[in-house]
Every structure is written in structure tokens, then in C-alpha cells.
Amino acid sequence: MVRFFDRIEEYILIILFPLMTLIVFAATVSRYLNLVSMPWSEELARYIMAWMAYIGASLGVKRSAHLGVEVIVNLFPERLKKFAGILRVVIILLFNVLVIMFSYKIIMHQIKIEQLSPAMGIPIWVAYLSVPVGSFMMCIRSIQIVIKQNTSKEE
């Protein structure tokens, strides 16, 4: 079970990317051959893309794949790199906590006004939920990086 949650981003993306590709392909072929109208397909593909972006960002944090941050950390002298790494994680955490707080307010407003998506008629907050979920996952992955860095160097 621990391994499953450790790889949750990969599993979600493995499901979402082919699903989005299939939906867009089916809608394109359907439109080209004048078969069936699929007005909901573009909207669903957009919502899936939003979820993929935030889940993918969490995967990037997990794999330390955000190159721009690493470049800056590597500019520090060797004795300050550990501090710079911790500062990096604190900034990432602070940013994501702020994103979670503000997106929570937006989602609560969307729930309150009961806005529905135009083509599919689903509650719009379902699409907006990708923001705090992805940010929360980035927080967890950032904390895991700090724990891993501090435990591996002490051993």
C-alpha cells in the first residue's frame, strides 16, 4: 500500500493521459466524418489537462525535476547548499499553502453558487479542485524530500 501511494502520481497520469488522448481523437474523427457531435469532449479534455498539469507538477517535485530551482541552489557554496535546499523547500511549501488557501476560497464560492460547466453540466468546482489537490501533493513531496535529504546524510 505504501508503494502504491508513493507512485500515485504516475498511476493517475497513466490513466488520464491516454483517456484525454482517446477523447480528443474520438471527437476529431467524429467531427471529420460528420458522425456524432461531441461538444463535451473539448471541455473534458481541458479539465483532464488541468488535473494532469497539477499532478505532473507534484511528480516533478517528487523527482526533483524542477531544473530552474536546482540551478540556483547549485550556485551556492558547498557549505550553504543544505541551507539553500531547505530554503527552496520552505518557499515551495509557502507558495503551495497560499495556493491551497486561495483556491479553497474559490472552490467554496463555486459550490455556494452551484455553477455548472457549460457543456457537461458538472459542478465547475470539480475542475477547480485540481489546483488544491496538486498543491497539497506538492507539499507532501517537498516534505518527503527534506526528510530524505536529512536522513540519508546522517546515516
N, C-alpha and C. Protein backbone atom coordinates (compact mmCIF):
# COMPACT_ATOMS: atom_id res chain seq x y z
N MET A 1 0.83 -1.20 0.00
CA MET A 1 0.00 0.00 0.00
C MET A 1 0.87 1.26 0.00
N VAL A 2 1.98 1.23 0.74
CA VAL A 2 2.88 2.38 0.78
C VAL A 2 3.46 2.64 -0.61
N ARG A 3 3.84 1.57 -1.30
CA ARG A 3 4.39 1.72 -2.65
C ARG A 3 3.35 2.33 -3.59
N PHE A 4 2.09 1.93 -3.44
CA PHE A 4 1.02 2.48 -4.27
C PHE A 4 0.93 4.00 -4.08
N PHE A 5 0.91 4.45 -2.84
CA PHE A 5 0.80 5.89 -2.59
C PHE A 5 2.09 6.63 -2.97
N ASP A 6 3.22 5.93 -2.92
CA ASP A 6 4.47 6.56 -3.33
C ASP A 6 4.49 6.81 -4.84
N ARG A 7 3.73 6.03 -5.58
CA ARG A 7 3.69 6.17 -7.04
C ARG A 7 2.33 6.66 -7.54
N ILE A 8 1.55 7.28 -6.69
CA ILE A 8 0.18 7.67 -7.04
C ILE A 8 0.13 8.62 -8.23
N GLU A 9 1.09 9.55 -8.32
CA GLU A 9 1.09 10.47 -9.45
C GLU A 9 1.24 9.72 -10.78
N GLU A 10 2.17 8.77 -10.80
CA GLU A 10 2.37 8.00 -12.03
C GLU A 10 1.09 7.26 -12.43
N TYR A 11 0.44 6.65 -11.46
CA TYR A 11 -0.77 5.89 -11.76
C TYR A 11 -1.89 6.79 -12.29
N ILE A 12 -2.05 7.95 -11.67
CA ILE A 12 -3.09 8.89 -12.11
C ILE A 12 -2.79 9.37 -13.54
N LEU A 13 -1.53 9.72 -13.79
CA LEU A 13 -1.17 10.20 -15.12
C LEU A 13 -1.27 9.11 -16.18
N ILE A 14 -0.97 7.87 -15.79
CA ILE A 14 -1.09 6.75 -16.73
C ILE A 14 -2.54 6.56 -17.16
N ILE A 15 -3.47 6.90 -16.31
CA ILE A 15 -4.89 6.79 -16.64
C ILE A 15 -5.36 8.04 -17.41
N LEU A 16 -4.99 9.22 -16.93
CA LEU A 16 -5.53 10.46 -17.51
C LEU A 16 -5.01 10.76 -18.91
N PHE A 17 -3.72 10.55 -19.15
CA PHE A 17 -3.18 10.93 -20.46
C PHE A 17 -3.80 10.13 -21.61
N PRO A 18 -3.83 8.80 -21.53
CA PRO A 18 -4.49 8.07 -22.63
C PRO A 18 -5.98 8.40 -22.74
N LEU A 19 -6.63 8.63 -21.60
CA LEU A 19 -8.05 8.99 -21.62
C LEU A 19 -8.26 10.29 -22.38
N MET A 20 -7.45 11.29 -22.08
CA MET A 20 -7.56 12.57 -22.77
C MET A 20 -7.27 12.40 -24.26
N THR A 21 -6.24 11.65 -24.58
CA THR A 21 -5.88 11.41 -25.98
C THR A 21 -7.01 10.73 -26.73
N LEU A 22 -7.60 9.73 -26.11
CA LEU A 22 -8.71 8.99 -26.72
C LEU A 22 -9.92 9.90 -26.96
N ILE A 23 -10.24 10.73 -25.99
CA ILE A 23 -11.39 11.63 -26.11
C ILE A 23 -11.17 12.63 -27.26
N VAL A 24 -9.98 13.23 -27.30
CA VAL A 24 -9.70 14.21 -28.35
C VAL A 24 -9.68 13.52 -29.72
N PHE A 25 -9.08 12.34 -29.80
CA PHE A 25 -9.04 11.60 -31.06
C PHE A 25 -10.45 11.24 -31.54
N ALA A 26 -11.26 10.72 -30.63
CA ALA A 26 -12.63 10.34 -30.99
C ALA A 26 -13.44 11.55 -31.45
N ALA A 27 -13.29 12.66 -30.77
CA ALA A 27 -14.02 13.88 -31.15
C ALA A 27 -13.55 14.39 -32.51
N THR A 28 -12.26 14.32 -32.76
CA THR A 28 -11.72 14.79 -34.04
C THR A 28 -12.22 13.91 -35.19
N VAL A 29 -12.12 12.60 -35.02
CA VAL A 29 -12.59 11.68 -36.05
C VAL A 29 -14.09 11.84 -36.26
N SER A 30 -14.82 11.96 -35.19
CA SER A 30 -16.27 12.12 -35.27
C SER A 30 -16.64 13.41 -36.02
N ARG A 31 -15.93 14.47 -35.73
CA ARG A 31 -16.20 15.75 -36.40
C ARG A 31 -15.81 15.67 -37.88
N TYR A 32 -14.67 15.03 -38.16
CA TYR A 32 -14.18 14.93 -39.53
C TYR A 32 -15.12 14.10 -40.40
N LEU A 33 -15.65 13.02 -39.83
CA LEU A 33 -16.54 12.13 -40.58
C LEU A 33 -18.02 12.51 -40.46
N ASN A 34 -18.30 13.60 -39.77
CA ASN A 34 -19.69 14.06 -39.55
C ASN A 34 -20.56 12.96 -38.94
N LEU A 35 -20.04 12.27 -37.94
CA LEU A 35 -20.78 11.18 -37.30
C LEU A 35 -21.67 11.70 -36.18
N VAL A 36 -21.06 12.03 -35.08
CA VAL A 36 -21.81 12.46 -33.89
C VAL A 36 -21.16 13.74 -33.37
N SER A 37 -21.98 14.60 -32.86
CA SER A 37 -21.45 15.80 -32.23
C SER A 37 -21.03 15.48 -30.80
N MET A 38 -19.83 15.90 -30.44
CA MET A 38 -19.32 15.66 -29.08
C MET A 38 -18.90 17.00 -28.48
N PRO A 39 -19.84 17.88 -28.18
CA PRO A 39 -19.47 19.21 -27.68
C PRO A 39 -18.80 19.17 -26.30
N TRP A 40 -19.00 18.13 -25.57
CA TRP A 40 -18.43 17.99 -24.23
C TRP A 40 -16.95 17.58 -24.26
N SER A 41 -16.48 17.06 -25.40
CA SER A 41 -15.13 16.48 -25.46
C SER A 41 -14.04 17.50 -25.21
N GLU A 42 -14.18 18.69 -25.78
CA GLU A 42 -13.16 19.73 -25.59
C GLU A 42 -13.10 20.16 -24.13
N GLU A 43 -14.24 20.29 -23.53
CA GLU A 43 -14.31 20.70 -22.12
C GLU A 43 -13.70 19.64 -21.21
N LEU A 44 -14.05 18.39 -21.44
CA LEU A 44 -13.49 17.31 -20.63
C LEU A 44 -11.98 17.20 -20.82
N ALA A 45 -11.52 17.33 -22.06
CA ALA A 45 -10.08 17.28 -22.32
C ALA A 45 -9.35 18.41 -21.58
N ARG A 46 -9.97 19.58 -21.54
CA ARG A 46 -9.37 20.72 -20.83
C ARG A 46 -9.28 20.46 -19.33
N TYR A 47 -10.34 19.88 -18.76
CA TYR A 47 -10.33 19.58 -17.33
C TYR A 47 -9.31 18.48 -17.00
N ILE A 48 -9.23 17.48 -17.86
CA ILE A 48 -8.22 16.43 -17.65
C ILE A 48 -6.82 17.03 -17.73
N MET A 49 -6.61 17.94 -18.69
CA MET A 49 -5.30 18.59 -18.83
C MET A 49 -4.93 19.37 -17.57
N ALA A 50 -5.90 20.04 -16.98
CA ALA A 50 -5.63 20.79 -15.74
C ALA A 50 -5.21 19.82 -14.63
N TRP A 51 -5.92 18.71 -14.50
CA TRP A 51 -5.56 17.72 -13.48
C TRP A 51 -4.17 17.16 -13.76
N MET A 52 -3.88 16.89 -15.04
CA MET A 52 -2.57 16.35 -15.39
C MET A 52 -1.45 17.35 -15.07
N ALA A 53 -1.70 18.63 -15.29
CA ALA A 53 -0.68 19.65 -15.03
C ALA A 53 -0.32 19.69 -13.55
N TYR A 54 -1.31 19.69 -12.68
CA TYR A 54 -1.02 19.78 -11.25
C TYR A 54 -0.47 18.47 -10.68
N ILE A 55 -0.98 17.35 -11.15
CA ILE A 55 -0.43 16.06 -10.70
C ILE A 55 0.98 15.90 -11.24
N GLY A 56 1.19 16.33 -12.48
CA GLY A 56 2.53 16.28 -13.07
C GLY A 56 3.51 17.18 -12.34
N ALA A 57 3.07 18.33 -11.87
CA ALA A 57 3.93 19.22 -11.09
C ALA A 57 4.35 18.53 -9.79
N SER A 58 3.43 17.81 -9.18
CA SER A 58 3.76 17.06 -7.97
C SER A 58 4.79 15.98 -8.28
N LEU A 59 4.63 15.32 -9.39
CA LEU A 59 5.62 14.32 -9.80
C LEU A 59 6.97 14.97 -10.04
N GLY A 60 6.97 16.17 -10.61
CA GLY A 60 8.22 16.90 -10.80
C GLY A 60 8.91 17.23 -9.50
N VAL A 61 8.12 17.61 -8.49
CA VAL A 61 8.70 17.89 -7.16
C VAL A 61 9.27 16.60 -6.58
N LYS A 62 8.53 15.52 -6.71
CA LYS A 62 8.98 14.23 -6.18
C LYS A 62 10.32 13.82 -6.78
N ARG A 63 10.48 14.04 -8.08
CA ARG A 63 11.70 13.62 -8.78
C ARG A 63 12.76 14.72 -8.81
N SER A 64 12.50 15.83 -8.13
CA SER A 64 13.40 16.99 -8.15
C SER A 64 13.72 17.40 -9.58
N ALA A 65 12.71 17.42 -10.41
CA ALA A 65 12.88 17.69 -11.83
C ALA A 65 12.69 19.16 -12.19
N HIS A 66 12.49 20.01 -11.20
CA HIS A 66 12.34 21.43 -11.47
C HIS A 66 13.73 22.04 -11.57
N LEU A 67 14.26 22.01 -12.77
CA LEU A 67 15.65 22.34 -13.05
C LEU A 67 16.02 23.75 -12.62
N GLY A 68 15.15 24.71 -12.85
CA GLY A 68 15.46 26.10 -12.52
C GLY A 68 15.83 26.29 -11.06
N VAL A 69 15.17 25.60 -10.18
CA VAL A 69 15.46 25.71 -8.75
C VAL A 69 16.81 25.07 -8.45
N GLU A 70 17.11 23.94 -9.03
CA GLU A 70 18.38 23.26 -8.80
C GLU A 70 19.56 24.11 -9.27
N VAL A 71 19.38 24.81 -10.37
CA VAL A 71 20.45 25.66 -10.89
C VAL A 71 20.80 26.74 -9.87
N ILE A 72 19.81 27.33 -9.27
CA ILE A 72 20.05 28.38 -8.27
C ILE A 72 20.71 27.80 -7.03
N VAL A 73 20.22 26.65 -6.57
CA VAL A 73 20.81 26.02 -5.38
C VAL A 73 22.26 25.66 -5.63
N ASN A 74 22.59 25.21 -6.82
CA ASN A 74 23.96 24.82 -7.14
C ASN A 74 24.91 26.01 -7.22
N LEU A 75 24.40 27.22 -7.28
CA LEU A 75 25.26 28.41 -7.28
C LEU A 75 25.84 28.71 -5.90
N PHE A 76 25.21 28.19 -4.86
CA PHE A 76 25.66 28.45 -3.50
C PHE A 76 26.96 27.68 -3.22
N PRO A 77 27.77 28.23 -2.31
CA PRO A 77 28.95 27.47 -1.88
C PRO A 77 28.52 26.17 -1.20
N GLU A 78 29.41 25.22 -1.17
CA GLU A 78 29.09 23.87 -0.67
C GLU A 78 28.50 23.90 0.74
N ARG A 79 29.03 24.73 1.61
CA ARG A 79 28.56 24.75 3.00
C ARG A 79 27.16 25.35 3.13
N LEU A 80 26.70 26.10 2.12
CA LEU A 80 25.37 26.71 2.18
C LEU A 80 24.33 25.95 1.36
N LYS A 81 24.73 24.90 0.67
CA LYS A 81 23.79 24.17 -0.20
C LYS A 81 22.68 23.51 0.60
N LYS A 82 23.01 22.99 1.80
CA LYS A 82 21.96 22.36 2.62
C LYS A 82 20.94 23.41 3.04
N PHE A 83 21.42 24.57 3.47
CA PHE A 83 20.52 25.67 3.83
C PHE A 83 19.69 26.11 2.62
N ALA A 84 20.33 26.23 1.47
CA ALA A 84 19.63 26.64 0.25
C ALA A 84 18.57 25.61 -0.12
N GLY A 85 18.88 24.33 0.06
CA GLY A 85 17.91 23.28 -0.23
C GLY A 85 16.70 23.37 0.68
N ILE A 86 16.95 23.64 1.96
CA ILE A 86 15.84 23.78 2.92
C ILE A 86 15.04 25.05 2.61
N LEU A 87 15.74 26.13 2.28
CA LEU A 87 15.06 27.37 1.91
C LEU A 87 14.19 27.16 0.68
N ARG A 88 14.70 26.40 -0.29
CA ARG A 88 13.93 26.08 -1.50
C ARG A 88 12.62 25.38 -1.14
N VAL A 89 12.71 24.39 -0.24
CA VAL A 89 11.52 23.64 0.15
C VAL A 89 10.56 24.53 0.92
N VAL A 90 11.07 25.40 1.78
CA VAL A 90 10.22 26.32 2.53
C VAL A 90 9.46 27.24 1.57
N ILE A 91 10.15 27.75 0.55
CA ILE A 91 9.49 28.62 -0.43
C ILE A 91 8.43 27.85 -1.20
N ILE A 92 8.75 26.62 -1.61
CA ILE A 92 7.78 25.79 -2.33
C ILE A 92 6.57 25.52 -1.43
N LEU A 93 6.82 25.18 -0.18
CA LEU A 93 5.73 24.91 0.76
C LEU A 93 4.87 26.15 0.97
N LEU A 94 5.50 27.28 1.20
CA LEU A 94 4.77 28.53 1.43
C LEU A 94 3.90 28.87 0.22
N PHE A 95 4.48 28.78 -0.96
CA PHE A 95 3.72 29.07 -2.18
C PHE A 95 2.52 28.13 -2.30
N ASN A 96 2.74 26.84 -2.09
CA ASN A 96 1.65 25.88 -2.25
C ASN A 96 0.58 26.03 -1.17
N VAL A 97 0.97 26.38 0.03
CA VAL A 97 -0.03 26.62 1.08
C VAL A 97 -0.90 27.82 0.71
N LEU A 98 -0.28 28.87 0.17
CA LEU A 98 -1.06 30.03 -0.28
C LEU A 98 -2.00 29.66 -1.42
N VAL A 99 -1.51 28.86 -2.36
CA VAL A 99 -2.36 28.42 -3.47
C VAL A 99 -3.53 27.61 -2.94
N ILE A 100 -3.27 26.72 -1.98
CA ILE A 100 -4.34 25.91 -1.39
C ILE A 100 -5.38 26.81 -0.72
N MET A 101 -4.92 27.79 0.05
CA MET A 101 -5.84 28.67 0.77
C MET A 101 -6.73 29.46 -0.20
N PHE A 102 -6.13 30.05 -1.22
CA PHE A 102 -6.91 30.87 -2.15
C PHE A 102 -7.79 30.02 -3.05
N SER A 103 -7.30 28.87 -3.47
CA SER A 103 -8.14 28.01 -4.30
C SER A 103 -9.29 27.42 -3.49
N TYR A 104 -9.08 27.21 -2.20
CA TYR A 104 -10.16 26.75 -1.34
C TYR A 104 -11.30 27.77 -1.32
N LYS A 105 -10.93 29.04 -1.22
CA LYS A 105 -11.96 30.10 -1.23
C LYS A 105 -12.72 30.11 -2.55
N ILE A 106 -12.01 29.94 -3.65
CA ILE A 106 -12.66 29.93 -4.95
C ILE A 106 -13.60 28.73 -5.07
N ILE A 107 -13.13 27.57 -4.64
CA ILE A 107 -13.95 26.36 -4.72
C ILE A 107 -15.20 26.49 -3.84
N MET A 108 -15.04 27.01 -2.65
CA MET A 108 -16.20 27.19 -1.77
C MET A 108 -17.21 28.15 -2.40
N HIS A 109 -16.72 29.17 -3.07
CA HIS A 109 -17.62 30.10 -3.76
C HIS A 109 -18.33 29.38 -4.90
N GLN A 110 -17.61 28.55 -5.64
CA GLN A 110 -18.22 27.81 -6.73
C GLN A 110 -19.29 26.84 -6.22
N ILE A 111 -19.02 26.21 -5.11
CA ILE A 111 -20.01 25.30 -4.51
C ILE A 111 -21.24 26.09 -4.07
N LYS A 112 -21.00 27.26 -3.48
CA LYS A 112 -22.10 28.09 -2.99
C LYS A 112 -23.02 28.55 -4.12
N ILE A 113 -22.44 28.99 -5.24
CA ILE A 113 -23.28 29.50 -6.33
C ILE A 113 -23.74 28.39 -7.27
N GLU A 114 -23.27 27.18 -7.05
CA GLU A 114 -23.68 25.99 -7.80
C GLU A 114 -23.49 26.15 -9.31
N GLN A 115 -22.35 26.72 -9.69
CA GLN A 115 -22.08 26.89 -11.12
C GLN A 115 -21.76 25.55 -11.76
N LEU A 116 -22.32 25.34 -12.95
CA LEU A 116 -22.09 24.11 -13.70
C LEU A 116 -21.26 24.41 -14.94
N SER A 117 -20.53 23.41 -15.39
CA SER A 117 -19.76 23.59 -16.62
C SER A 117 -20.71 23.69 -17.80
N PRO A 118 -20.37 24.46 -18.82
CA PRO A 118 -21.32 24.71 -19.90
C PRO A 118 -21.69 23.48 -20.73
N ALA A 119 -20.76 22.65 -21.09
CA ALA A 119 -21.07 21.54 -22.00
C ALA A 119 -21.47 20.26 -21.28
N MET A 120 -20.80 19.95 -20.18
CA MET A 120 -21.05 18.68 -19.50
C MET A 120 -22.06 18.80 -18.37
N GLY A 121 -22.21 19.99 -17.83
CA GLY A 121 -23.17 20.20 -16.76
C GLY A 121 -22.72 19.65 -15.41
N ILE A 122 -21.41 19.45 -15.24
CA ILE A 122 -20.90 19.00 -13.93
C ILE A 122 -20.57 20.23 -13.10
N PRO A 123 -20.53 20.08 -11.78
CA PRO A 123 -20.14 21.23 -10.95
C PRO A 123 -18.73 21.70 -11.33
N ILE A 124 -18.58 22.98 -11.54
CA ILE A 124 -17.32 23.54 -12.01
C ILE A 124 -16.20 23.39 -10.97
N TRP A 125 -16.57 23.25 -9.71
CA TRP A 125 -15.56 23.11 -8.68
C TRP A 125 -14.78 21.81 -8.84
N VAL A 126 -15.34 20.83 -9.54
CA VAL A 126 -14.61 19.56 -9.77
C VAL A 126 -13.35 19.83 -10.58
N ALA A 127 -13.46 20.70 -11.58
CA ALA A 127 -12.28 21.06 -12.37
C ALA A 127 -11.31 21.90 -11.54
N TYR A 128 -11.85 22.83 -10.76
CA TYR A 128 -11.01 23.70 -9.94
C TYR A 128 -10.30 22.93 -8.82
N LEU A 129 -10.84 21.80 -8.44
CA LEU A 129 -10.26 21.00 -7.35
C LEU A 129 -8.85 20.51 -7.69
N SER A 130 -8.50 20.49 -8.96
CA SER A 130 -7.15 20.05 -9.35
C SER A 130 -6.08 20.94 -8.73
N VAL A 131 -6.38 22.20 -8.53
CA VAL A 131 -5.39 23.15 -8.01
C VAL A 131 -5.00 22.81 -6.56
N PRO A 132 -5.94 22.75 -5.61
CA PRO A 132 -5.52 22.43 -4.25
C PRO A 132 -5.02 20.99 -4.09
N VAL A 133 -5.58 20.06 -4.83
CA VAL A 133 -5.11 18.68 -4.72
C VAL A 133 -3.66 18.58 -5.18
N GLY A 134 -3.36 19.16 -6.35
CA GLY A 134 -1.99 19.15 -6.85
C GLY A 134 -1.03 19.88 -5.92
N SER A 135 -1.47 21.02 -5.40
CA SER A 135 -0.62 21.79 -4.47
C SER A 135 -0.38 21.03 -3.17
N PHE A 136 -1.41 20.35 -2.69
CA PHE A 136 -1.25 19.54 -1.47
C PHE A 136 -0.25 18.41 -1.72
N MET A 137 -0.36 17.78 -2.88
CA MET A 137 0.58 16.71 -3.21
C MET A 137 2.01 17.25 -3.32
N MET A 138 2.17 18.46 -3.85
CA MET A 138 3.50 19.08 -3.93
C MET A 138 4.05 19.35 -2.53
N CYS A 139 3.18 19.75 -1.61
CA CYS A 139 3.61 19.96 -0.22
C CYS A 139 4.14 18.66 0.37
N ILE A 140 3.39 17.59 0.18
CA ILE A 140 3.79 16.29 0.73
C ILE A 140 5.12 15.86 0.14
N ARG A 141 5.27 16.00 -1.17
CA ARG A 141 6.51 15.59 -1.83
C ARG A 141 7.69 16.46 -1.39
N SER A 142 7.45 17.74 -1.14
CA SER A 142 8.52 18.61 -0.66
C SER A 142 8.99 18.19 0.71
N ILE A 143 8.05 17.89 1.58
CA ILE A 143 8.40 17.43 2.94
C ILE A 143 9.16 16.11 2.86
N GLN A 144 8.74 15.21 1.97
CA GLN A 144 9.45 13.95 1.80
C GLN A 144 10.89 14.16 1.35
N ILE A 145 11.11 15.14 0.49
CA ILE A 145 12.47 15.43 0.02
C ILE A 145 13.34 15.88 1.18
N VAL A 146 12.82 16.77 2.02
CA VAL A 146 13.60 17.24 3.17
C VAL A 146 13.92 16.09 4.11
N ILE A 147 12.93 15.26 4.39
CA ILE A 147 13.15 14.11 5.29
C ILE A 147 14.19 13.19 4.69
N LYS A 148 14.09 12.91 3.40
CA LYS A 148 15.03 12.01 2.73
C LYS A 148 16.44 12.60 2.74
N GLN A 149 16.58 13.88 2.49
CA GLN A 149 17.89 14.52 2.49
C GLN A 149 18.52 14.49 3.87
N ASN A 150 17.72 14.74 4.90
CA ASN A 150 18.27 14.79 6.26
C ASN A 150 18.55 13.41 6.82
N THR A 151 17.78 12.40 6.47
CA THR A 151 18.04 11.06 6.99
C THR A 151 19.17 10.37 6.23
N SER A 152 19.30 10.60 4.95
CA SER A 152 20.36 9.92 4.18
C SER A 152 21.73 10.46 4.50
N LYS A 153 21.86 11.71 4.87
CA LYS A 153 23.17 12.29 5.18
C LYS A 153 23.62 11.98 6.59
N GLU A 154 22.66 11.68 7.47
CA GLU A 154 23.02 11.39 8.85
C GLU A 154 23.48 9.95 9.03
N GLU A 155 23.08 9.08 8.10
CA GLU A 155 23.41 7.66 8.24
C GLU A 155 24.86 7.39 7.97
